[in-house]
Amino acid sequence: MKISEIRVLMKYEFYRGATTWQAVVNINNVFGIQVATNVTVARWFKKFRSGDFDLLNEPRGPPKTQMDNDVLKATVEANSNESACELSLMYNV
C-alpha cells in the first residue's frame, strides 16, 4: 500500500471523528497489521487539528553534520593507528 493512500485513510478517519487508537485499529483491520501505527496517526491528527490538511511531505534538507569533515579527515590521518571505535569516542559519536 502506498504511503499517499494511507494518508488519505488517516484523513478520512480524522473527518469521521475517530480517535488515534480507533483510526489505527480501523485501518489495520482492513489493510493489515502495521499499515498504520499509533505514532504516525497521532502525528498526522495533530497536523489536521492545526488546520493543515496537506498530505504531501514537508520539504526537508539533508541533516546537519555534527562535525567538520576536514577536521575529521585530519584527525583520522593523524591517528591512523586508532580504530574507528576509538576515534568515535574522541568525538562522542
PDB file of N, CA and C in Angstrom:
ATOM      1  N   MET A   1       0.842  -1.180   0.000  1.00  0.00           N
ATOM      2  CA  MET A   1       0.000   0.000   0.000  1.00  0.00           C
ATOM      3  C   MET A   1       0.888   1.244   0.000  1.00  0.00           C
ATOM      4  N   LYS A   2       0.542   2.197  -0.821  1.00  0.00           N
ATOM      5  CA  LYS A   2       1.319   3.429  -0.930  1.00  0.00           C
ATOM      6  C   LYS A   2       1.085   4.325   0.285  1.00  0.00           C
ATOM      7  N   ILE A   3       2.123   5.059   0.644  1.00  0.00           N
ATOM      8  CA  ILE A   3       2.034   5.988   1.771  1.00  0.00           C
ATOM      9  C   ILE A   3       0.940   7.026   1.526  1.00  0.00           C
ATOM     10  N   SER A   4       0.828   7.488   0.288  1.00  0.00           N
ATOM     11  CA  SER A   4      -0.192   8.500  -0.019  1.00  0.00           C
ATOM     12  C   SER A   4      -1.597   7.959   0.237  1.00  0.00           C
ATOM     13  N   GLU A   5      -1.809   6.671   0.006  1.00  0.00           N
ATOM     14  CA  GLU A   5      -3.118   6.059   0.260  1.00  0.00           C
ATOM     15  C   GLU A   5      -3.394   5.965   1.760  1.00  0.00           C
ATOM     16  N   ILE A   6      -2.368   5.651   2.530  1.00  0.00           N
ATOM     17  CA  ILE A   6      -2.522   5.564   3.988  1.00  0.00           C
ATOM     18  C   ILE A   6      -2.875   6.941   4.548  1.00  0.00           C
ATOM     19  N   ARG A   7      -2.258   7.976   4.008  1.00  0.00           N
ATOM     20  CA  ARG A   7      -2.542   9.336   4.471  1.00  0.00           C
ATOM     21  C   ARG A   7      -3.991   9.728   4.194  1.00  0.00           C
ATOM     22  N   VAL A   8      -4.506   9.309   3.050  1.00  0.00           N
ATOM     23  CA  VAL A   8      -5.912   9.580   2.736  1.00  0.00           C
ATOM     24  C   VAL A   8      -6.809   8.876   3.748  1.00  0.00           C
ATOM     25  N   LEU A   9      -6.463   7.637   4.102  1.00  0.00           N
ATOM     26  CA  LEU A   9      -7.247   6.901   5.100  1.00  0.00           C
ATOM     27  C   LEU A   9      -7.206   7.597   6.457  1.00  0.00           C
ATOM     28  N   MET A  10      -6.032   8.097   6.843  1.00  0.00           N
ATOM     29  CA  MET A  10      -5.925   8.806   8.123  1.00  0.00           C
ATOM     30  C   MET A  10      -6.775  10.074   8.102  1.00  0.00           C
ATOM     31  N   LYS A  11      -6.762  10.782   6.980  1.00  0.00           N
ATOM     32  CA  LYS A  11      -7.570  11.996   6.854  1.00  0.00           C
ATOM     33  C   LYS A  11      -9.056  11.648   6.951  1.00  0.00           C
ATOM     34  N   TYR A  12      -9.456  10.560   6.307  1.00  0.00           N
ATOM     35  CA  TYR A  12     -10.844  10.100   6.377  1.00  0.00           C
ATOM     36  C   TYR A  12     -11.230   9.784   7.819  1.00  0.00           C
ATOM     37  N   GLU A  13     -10.373   9.045   8.523  1.00  0.00           N
ATOM     38  CA  GLU A  13     -10.655   8.689   9.917  1.00  0.00           C
ATOM     39  C   GLU A  13     -10.741   9.946  10.791  1.00  0.00           C
ATOM     40  N   PHE A  14      -9.900  10.924  10.508  1.00  0.00           N
ATOM     41  CA  PHE A  14      -9.949  12.185  11.253  1.00  0.00           C
ATOM     42  C   PHE A  14     -11.296  12.876  11.044  1.00  0.00           C
ATOM     43  N   TYR A  15     -11.729  12.972   9.783  1.00  0.00           N
ATOM     44  CA  TYR A  15     -13.020  13.603   9.486  1.00  0.00           C
ATOM     45  C   TYR A  15     -14.186  12.830  10.101  1.00  0.00           C
ATOM     46  N   ARG A  16     -14.038  11.515  10.227  1.00  0.00           N
ATOM     47  CA  ARG A  16     -15.073  10.686  10.846  1.00  0.00           C
ATOM     48  C   ARG A  16     -15.186  10.943  12.336  1.00  0.00           C
ATOM     49  N   GLY A  17     -14.139  11.534  12.915  1.00  0.00           N
ATOM     50  CA  GLY A  17     -14.143  11.802  14.351  1.00  0.00           C
ATOM     51  C   GLY A  17     -13.524  10.689  15.170  1.00  0.00           C
ATOM     52  N   ALA A  18     -12.808   9.796  14.507  1.00  0.00           N
ATOM     53  CA  ALA A  18     -12.163   8.683  15.209  1.00  0.00           C
ATOM     54  C   ALA A  18     -11.019   9.203  16.069  1.00  0.00           C
ATOM     55  N   THR A  19     -10.758   8.500  17.161  1.00  0.00           N
ATOM     56  CA  THR A  19      -9.568   8.798  17.956  1.00  0.00           C
ATOM     57  C   THR A  19      -8.372   8.200  17.231  1.00  0.00           C
ATOM     58  N   THR A  20      -7.188   8.555  17.685  1.00  0.00           N
ATOM     59  CA  THR A  20      -5.976   7.990  17.094  1.00  0.00           C
ATOM     60  C   THR A  20      -6.020   6.469  17.150  1.00  0.00           C
ATOM     61  N   TRP A  21      -6.336   5.950  18.322  1.00  0.00           N
ATOM     62  CA  TRP A  21      -6.360   4.498  18.503  1.00  0.00           C
ATOM     63  C   TRP A  21      -7.400   3.845  17.602  1.00  0.00           C
ATOM     64  N   GLN A  22      -8.595   4.446  17.520  1.00  0.00           N
ATOM     65  CA  GLN A  22      -9.650   3.891  16.667  1.00  0.00           C
ATOM     66  C   GLN A  22      -9.221   3.891  15.204  1.00  0.00           C
ATOM     67  N   ALA A  23      -8.560   4.948  14.769  1.00  0.00           N
ATOM     68  CA  ALA A  23      -8.101   5.033  13.383  1.00  0.00           C
ATOM     69  C   ALA A  23      -7.089   3.938  13.079  1.00  0.00           C
ATOM     70  N   VAL A  24      -6.154   3.713  13.991  1.00  0.00           N
ATOM     71  CA  VAL A  24      -5.145   2.662  13.801  1.00  0.00           C
ATOM     72  C   VAL A  24      -5.826   1.304  13.683  1.00  0.00           C
ATOM     73  N   VAL A  25      -6.741   1.021  14.596  1.00  0.00           N
ATOM     74  CA  VAL A  25      -7.446  -0.267  14.584  1.00  0.00           C
ATOM     75  C   VAL A  25      -8.249  -0.423  13.294  1.00  0.00           C
ATOM     76  N   ASN A  26      -8.989   0.599  12.913  1.00  0.00           N
ATOM     77  CA  ASN A  26      -9.818   0.522  11.704  1.00  0.00           C
ATOM     78  C   ASN A  26      -8.975   0.282  10.457  1.00  0.00           C
ATOM     79  N   ILE A  27      -7.908   1.030  10.301  1.00  0.00           N
ATOM     80  CA  ILE A  27      -7.055   0.894   9.117  1.00  0.00           C
ATOM     81  C   ILE A  27      -6.383  -0.472   9.102  1.00  0.00           C
ATOM     82  N   ASN A  28      -5.828  -0.884  10.235  1.00  0.00           N
ATOM     83  CA  ASN A  28      -5.112  -2.159  10.278  1.00  0.00           C
ATOM     84  C   ASN A  28      -6.045  -3.358  10.158  1.00  0.00           C
ATOM     85  N   ASN A  29      -7.282  -3.255  10.630  1.00  0.00           N
ATOM     86  CA  ASN A  29      -8.239  -4.355  10.475  1.00  0.00           C
ATOM     87  C   ASN A  29      -8.548  -4.623   9.011  1.00  0.00           C
ATOM     88  N   VAL A  30      -8.578  -3.576   8.219  1.00  0.00           N
ATOM     89  CA  VAL A  30      -8.909  -3.729   6.804  1.00  0.00           C
ATOM     90  C   VAL A  30      -7.672  -4.038   5.960  1.00  0.00           C
ATOM     91  N   PHE A  31      -6.565  -3.353   6.227  1.00  0.00           N
ATOM     92  CA  PHE A  31      -5.414  -3.430   5.329  1.00  0.00           C
ATOM     93  C   PHE A  31      -4.234  -4.220   5.878  1.00  0.00           C
ATOM     94  N   GLY A  32      -4.307  -4.664   7.109  1.00  0.00           N
ATOM     95  CA  GLY A  32      -3.236  -5.480   7.673  1.00  0.00           C
ATOM     96  C   GLY A  32      -2.510  -4.773   8.791  1.00  0.00           C
ATOM     97  N   ILE A  33      -1.949  -5.609   9.640  1.00  0.00           N
ATOM     98  CA  ILE A  33      -1.252  -5.099  10.825  1.00  0.00           C
ATOM     99  C   ILE A  33      -0.072  -4.234  10.408  1.00  0.00           C
ATOM    100  N   GLN A  34       0.163  -3.175  11.133  1.00  0.00           N
ATOM    101  CA  GLN A  34       1.279  -2.253  10.947  1.00  0.00           C
ATOM    102  C   GLN A  34       1.205  -1.429   9.666  1.00  0.00           C
ATOM    103  N   VAL A  35       0.040  -1.361   9.028  1.00  0.00           N
ATOM    104  CA  VAL A  35      -0.115  -0.404   7.934  1.00  0.00           C
ATOM    105  C   VAL A  35      -0.104   1.000   8.528  1.00  0.00           C
ATOM    106  N   ALA A  36      -0.789   1.148   9.653  1.00  0.00           N
ATOM    107  CA  ALA A  36      -0.808   2.423  10.376  1.00  0.00           C
ATOM    108  C   ALA A  36      -0.323   2.170  11.798  1.00  0.00           C
ATOM    109  N   THR A  37       0.499   3.071  12.303  1.00  0.00           N
ATOM    110  CA  THR A  37       0.967   2.961  13.686  1.00  0.00           C
ATOM    111  C   THR A  37       0.400   4.121  14.497  1.00  0.00           C
ATOM    112  N   ASN A  38       0.330   3.927  15.787  1.00  0.00           N
ATOM    113  CA  ASN A  38      -0.226   4.946  16.676  1.00  0.00           C
ATOM    114  C   ASN A  38       0.564   6.255  16.582  1.00  0.00           C
ATOM    115  N   VAL A  39       1.881   6.153  16.529  1.00  0.00           N
ATOM    116  CA  VAL A  39       2.731   7.353  16.471  1.00  0.00           C
ATOM    117  C   VAL A  39       2.468   8.137  15.184  1.00  0.00           C
ATOM    118  N   THR A  40       2.401   7.428  14.065  1.00  0.00           N
ATOM    119  CA  THR A  40       2.189   8.092  12.782  1.00  0.00           C
ATOM    120  C   THR A  40       0.817   8.752  12.716  1.00  0.00           C
ATOM    121  N   VAL A  41      -0.211   8.018  13.120  1.00  0.00           N
ATOM    122  CA  VAL A  41      -1.565   8.580  13.084  1.00  0.00           C
ATOM    123  C   VAL A  41      -1.665   9.779  14.021  1.00  0.00           C
ATOM    124  N   ALA A  42      -1.066   9.691  15.195  1.00  0.00           N
ATOM    125  CA  ALA A  42      -1.099  10.812  16.143  1.00  0.00           C
ATOM    126  C   ALA A  42      -0.433  12.048  15.543  1.00  0.00           C
ATOM    127  N   ARG A  43       0.690  11.853  14.850  1.00  0.00           N
ATOM    128  CA  ARG A  43       1.386  12.987  14.235  1.00  0.00           C
ATOM    129  C   ARG A  43       0.513  13.640  13.158  1.00  0.00           C
ATOM    130  N   TRP A  44      -0.130  12.816  12.324  1.00  0.00           N
ATOM    131  CA  TRP A  44      -0.985  13.362  11.271  1.00  0.00           C
ATOM    132  C   TRP A  44      -2.242  13.996  11.845  1.00  0.00           C
ATOM    133  N   PHE A  45      -2.836  13.413  12.890  1.00  0.00           N
ATOM    134  CA  PHE A  45      -4.016  14.011  13.513  1.00  0.00           C
ATOM    135  C   PHE A  45      -3.669  15.373  14.118  1.00  0.00           C
ATOM    136  N   LYS A  46      -2.487  15.497  14.698  1.00  0.00           N
ATOM    137  CA  LYS A  46      -2.051  16.782  15.252  1.00  0.00           C
ATOM    138  C   LYS A  46      -1.966  17.827  14.136  1.00  0.00           C
ATOM    139  N   LYS A  47      -1.424  17.412  12.997  1.00  0.00           N
ATOM    140  CA  LYS A  47      -1.320  18.303  11.849  1.00  0.00           C
ATOM    141  C   LYS A  47      -2.717  18.718  11.373  1.00  0.00           C
ATOM    142  N   PHE A  48      -3.638  17.762  11.295  1.00  0.00           N
ATOM    143  CA  PHE A  48      -5.004  18.064  10.864  1.00  0.00           C
ATOM    144  C   PHE A  48      -5.700  19.008  11.845  1.00  0.00           C
ATOM    145  N   ARG A  49      -5.500  18.781  13.146  1.00  0.00           N
ATOM    146  CA  ARG A  49      -6.124  19.646  14.156  1.00  0.00           C
ATOM    147  C   ARG A  49      -5.648  21.094  14.035  1.00  0.00           C
ATOM    148  N   SER A  50      -4.420  21.275  13.547  1.00  0.00           N
ATOM    149  CA  SER A  50      -3.892  22.635  13.385  1.00  0.00           C
ATOM    150  C   SER A  50      -4.454  23.321  12.136  1.00  0.00           C
ATOM    151  N   GLY A  51      -5.250  22.572  11.353  1.00  0.00           N
ATOM    152  CA  GLY A  51      -5.843  23.141  10.149  1.00  0.00           C
ATOM    153  C   GLY A  51      -5.081  22.838   8.879  1.00  0.00           C
ATOM    154  N   ASP A  52      -3.997  22.100   8.983  1.00  0.00           N
ATOM    155  CA  ASP A  52      -3.181  21.750   7.818  1.00  0.00           C
ATOM    156  C   ASP A  52      -3.617  20.373   7.317  1.00  0.00           C
ATOM    157  N   PHE A  53      -4.283  20.343   6.172  1.00  0.00           N
ATOM    158  CA  PHE A  53      -4.775  19.081   5.620  1.00  0.00           C
ATOM    159  C   PHE A  53      -3.998  18.654   4.380  1.00  0.00           C
ATOM    160  N   ASP A  54      -2.853  19.271   4.140  1.00  0.00           N
ATOM    161  CA  ASP A  54      -1.993  18.901   3.023  1.00  0.00           C
ATOM    162  C   ASP A  54      -1.379  17.536   3.310  1.00  0.00           C
ATOM    163  N   LEU A  55      -1.490  16.609   2.371  1.00  0.00           N
ATOM    164  CA  LEU A  55      -0.999  15.248   2.584  1.00  0.00           C
ATOM    165  C   LEU A  55       0.404  15.022   2.029  1.00  0.00           C
ATOM    166  N   LEU A  56       1.033  16.068   1.519  1.00  0.00           N
ATOM    167  CA  LEU A  56       2.383  15.929   0.976  1.00  0.00           C
ATOM    168  C   LEU A  56       3.418  16.035   2.083  1.00  0.00           C
ATOM    169  N   ASN A  57       4.602  15.493   1.820  1.00  0.00           N
ATOM    170  CA  ASN A  57       5.705  15.593   2.772  1.00  0.00           C
ATOM    171  C   ASN A  57       6.159  17.036   2.900  1.00  0.00           C
ATOM    172  N   GLU A  58       6.592  17.386   4.089  1.00  0.00           N
ATOM    173  CA  GLU A  58       7.202  18.695   4.296  1.00  0.00           C
ATOM    174  C   GLU A  58       8.596  18.658   3.674  1.00  0.00           C
ATOM    175  N   PRO A  59       8.997  19.713   2.969  1.00  0.00           N
ATOM    176  CA  PRO A  59      10.349  19.714   2.398  1.00  0.00           C
ATOM    177  C   PRO A  59      11.397  19.736   3.504  1.00  0.00           C
ATOM    178  N   ARG A  60      12.383  18.879   3.347  1.00  0.00           N
ATOM    179  CA  ARG A  60      13.479  18.821   4.324  1.00  0.00           C
ATOM    180  C   ARG A  60      14.794  18.756   3.562  1.00  0.00           C
ATOM    181  N   GLY A  61      15.769  19.388   4.102  1.00  0.00           N
ATOM    182  CA  GLY A  61      17.096  19.318   3.520  1.00  0.00           C
ATOM    183  C   GLY A  61      17.873  18.176   4.152  1.00  0.00           C
ATOM    184  N   PRO A  62      19.115  18.030   3.761  1.00  0.00           N
ATOM    185  CA  PRO A  62      19.934  16.984   4.380  1.00  0.00           C
ATOM    186  C   PRO A  62      20.183  17.313   5.849  1.00  0.00           C
ATOM    187  N   PRO A  63      20.383  16.294   6.667  1.00  0.00           N
ATOM    188  CA  PRO A  63      20.649  16.571   8.081  1.00  0.00           C
ATOM    189  C   PRO A  63      21.949  17.355   8.243  1.00  0.00           C
ATOM    190  N   LYS A  64      21.986  18.185   9.264  1.00  0.00           N
ATOM    191  CA  LYS A  64      23.188  18.969   9.527  1.00  0.00           C
ATOM    192  C   LYS A  64      24.275  18.042  10.064  1.00  0.00           C
ATOM    193  N   THR A  65      25.481  18.237   9.562  1.00  0.00           N
ATOM    194  CA  THR A  65      26.591  17.431  10.061  1.00  0.00           C
ATOM    195  C   THR A  65      27.002  17.954  11.424  1.00  0.00           C
ATOM    196  N   GLN A  66      27.407  17.036  12.260  1.00  0.00           N
ATOM    197  CA  GLN A  66      27.802  17.411  13.609  1.00  0.00           C
ATOM    198  C   GLN A  66      29.280  17.763  13.681  1.00  0.00           C
ATOM    199  N   MET A  67      29.999  17.489  12.611  1.00  0.00           N
ATOM    200  CA  MET A  67      31.438  17.692  12.648  1.00  0.00           C
ATOM    201  C   MET A  67      31.923  18.171  11.288  1.00  0.00           C
ATOM    202  N   ASP A  68      32.932  18.970  11.289  1.00  0.00           N
ATOM    203  CA  ASP A  68      33.561  19.438  10.063  1.00  0.00           C
ATOM    204  C   ASP A  68      34.336  18.275   9.454  1.00  0.00           C
ATOM    205  N   ASN A  69      34.042  17.951   8.208  1.00  0.00           N
ATOM    206  CA  ASN A  69      34.690  16.815   7.552  1.00  0.00           C
ATOM    207  C   ASN A  69      36.199  16.986   7.437  1.00  0.00           C
ATOM    208  N   ASP A  70      36.671  18.221   7.246  1.00  0.00           N
ATOM    209  CA  ASP A  70      38.114  18.454   7.141  1.00  0.00           C
ATOM    210  C   ASP A  70      38.812  18.150   8.467  1.00  0.00           C
ATOM    211  N   VAL A  71      38.184  18.534   9.570  1.00  0.00           N
ATOM    212  CA  VAL A  71      38.747  18.245  10.896  1.00  0.00           C
ATOM    213  C   VAL A  71      38.779  16.740  11.126  1.00  0.00           C
ATOM    214  N   LEU A  72      37.698  16.068  10.757  1.00  0.00           N
ATOM    215  CA  LEU A  72      37.635  14.620  10.928  1.00  0.00           C
ATOM    216  C   LEU A  72      38.696  13.925  10.090  1.00  0.00           C
ATOM    217  N   LYS A  73      38.867  14.353   8.856  1.00  0.00           N
ATOM    218  CA  LYS A  73      39.869  13.747   7.978  1.00  0.00           C
ATOM    219  C   LYS A  73      41.272  13.943   8.551  1.00  0.00           C
ATOM    220  N   ALA A  74      41.565  15.135   9.045  1.00  0.00           N
ATOM    221  CA  ALA A  74      42.880  15.408   9.634  1.00  0.00           C
ATOM    222  C   ALA A  74      43.106  14.545  10.868  1.00  0.00           C
ATOM    223  N   THR A  75      42.076  14.356  11.674  1.00  0.00           N
ATOM    224  CA  THR A  75      42.192  13.524  12.878  1.00  0.00           C
ATOM    225  C   THR A  75      42.467  12.079  12.513  1.00  0.00           C
ATOM    226  N   VAL A  76      41.758  11.571  11.517  1.00  0.00           N
ATOM    227  CA  VAL A  76      41.958  10.182  11.087  1.00  0.00           C
ATOM    228  C   VAL A  76      43.368   9.998  10.544  1.00  0.00           C
ATOM    229  N   GLU A  77      43.841  10.950   9.748  1.00  0.00           N
ATOM    230  CA  GLU A  77      45.189  10.847   9.185  1.00  0.00           C
ATOM    231  C   GLU A  77      46.251  10.943  10.278  1.00  0.00           C
ATOM    232  N   ALA A  78      46.022  11.790  11.272  1.00  0.00           N
ATOM    233  CA  ALA A  78      46.991  11.945  12.364  1.00  0.00           C
ATOM    234  C   ALA A  78      46.978  10.753  13.309  1.00  0.00           C
ATOM    235  N   ASN A  79      45.877  10.040  13.377  1.00  0.00           N
ATOM    236  CA  ASN A  79      45.736   8.893  14.282  1.00  0.00           C
ATOM    237  C   ASN A  79      45.399   7.637  13.492  1.00  0.00           C
ATOM    238  N   SER A  80      46.183   7.362  12.469  1.00  0.00           N
ATOM    239  CA  SER A  80      45.868   6.244  11.579  1.00  0.00           C
ATOM    240  C   SER A  80      45.915   4.887  12.273  1.00  0.00           C
ATOM    241  N   ASN A  81      46.571   4.814  13.427  1.00  0.00           N
ATOM    242  CA  ASN A  81      46.641   3.543  14.144  1.00  0.00           C
ATOM    243  C   ASN A  81      45.440   3.331  15.070  1.00  0.00           C
ATOM    244  N   GLU A  82      44.571   4.334  15.205  1.00  0.00           N
ATOM    245  CA  GLU A  82      43.389   4.228  16.067  1.00  0.00           C
ATOM    246  C   GLU A  82      42.265   3.515  15.314  1.00  0.00           C
ATOM    247  N   SER A  83      41.460   2.771  16.048  1.00  0.00           N
ATOM    248  CA  SER A  83      40.302   2.114  15.436  1.00  0.00           C
ATOM    249  C   SER A  83      39.169   3.129  15.276  1.00  0.00           C
ATOM    250  N   ALA A  84      38.205   2.781  14.458  1.00  0.00           N
ATOM    251  CA  ALA A  84      37.043   3.648  14.269  1.00  0.00           C
ATOM    252  C   ALA A  84      36.310   3.850  15.589  1.00  0.00           C
ATOM    253  N   CYS A  85      36.254   2.809  16.397  1.00  0.00           N
ATOM    254  CA  CYS A  85      35.581   2.901  17.695  1.00  0.00           C
ATOM    255  C   CYS A  85      36.300   3.907  18.592  1.00  0.00           C
ATOM    256  N   GLU A  86      37.622   3.853  18.621  1.00  0.00           N
ATOM    257  CA  GLU A  86      38.396   4.781  19.455  1.00  0.00           C
ATOM    258  C   GLU A  86      38.237   6.224  18.965  1.00  0.00           C
ATOM    259  N   LEU A  87      38.229   6.399  17.643  1.00  0.00           N
ATOM    260  CA  LEU A  87      38.042   7.739  17.088  1.00  0.00           C
ATOM    261  C   LEU A  87      36.647   8.275  17.407  1.00  0.00           C
ATOM    262  N   SER A  88      35.649   7.404  17.366  1.00  0.00           N
ATOM    263  CA  SER A  88      34.290   7.858  17.669  1.00  0.00           C
ATOM    264  C   SER A  88      34.170   8.291  19.127  1.00  0.00           C
ATOM    265  N   LEU A  89      34.916   7.638  20.016  1.00  0.00           N
ATOM    266  CA  LEU A  89      34.898   8.024  21.426  1.00  0.00           C
ATOM    267  C   LEU A  89      35.511   9.407  21.633  1.00  0.00           C
ATOM    268  N   MET A  90      36.500   9.751  20.792  1.00  0.00           N
ATOM    269  CA  MET A  90      37.140  11.060  20.890  1.00  0.00           C
ATOM    270  C   MET A  90      36.138  12.185  20.617  1.00  0.00           C
ATOM    271  N   TYR A  91      35.154  11.910  19.750  1.00  0.00           N
ATOM    272  CA  TYR A  91      34.202  12.936  19.330  1.00  0.00           C
ATOM    273  C   TYR A  91      32.780  12.683  19.832  1.00  0.00           C
ATOM    274  N   ASN A  92      32.636  11.709  20.713  1.00  0.00           N
ATOM    275  CA  ASN A  92      31.316  11.387  21.281  1.00  0.00           C
ATOM    276  C   ASN A  92      30.256  11.144  20.215  1.00  0.00           C
ATOM    277  N   VAL A  93      30.624  10.354  19.225  1.00  0.00           N
ATOM    278  CA  VAL A  93      29.649   9.991  18.177  1.00  0.00           C
ATOM    279  C   VAL A  93      29.472   8.494  18.123  1.00  0.00           C
TER     280      VAL A  93
END
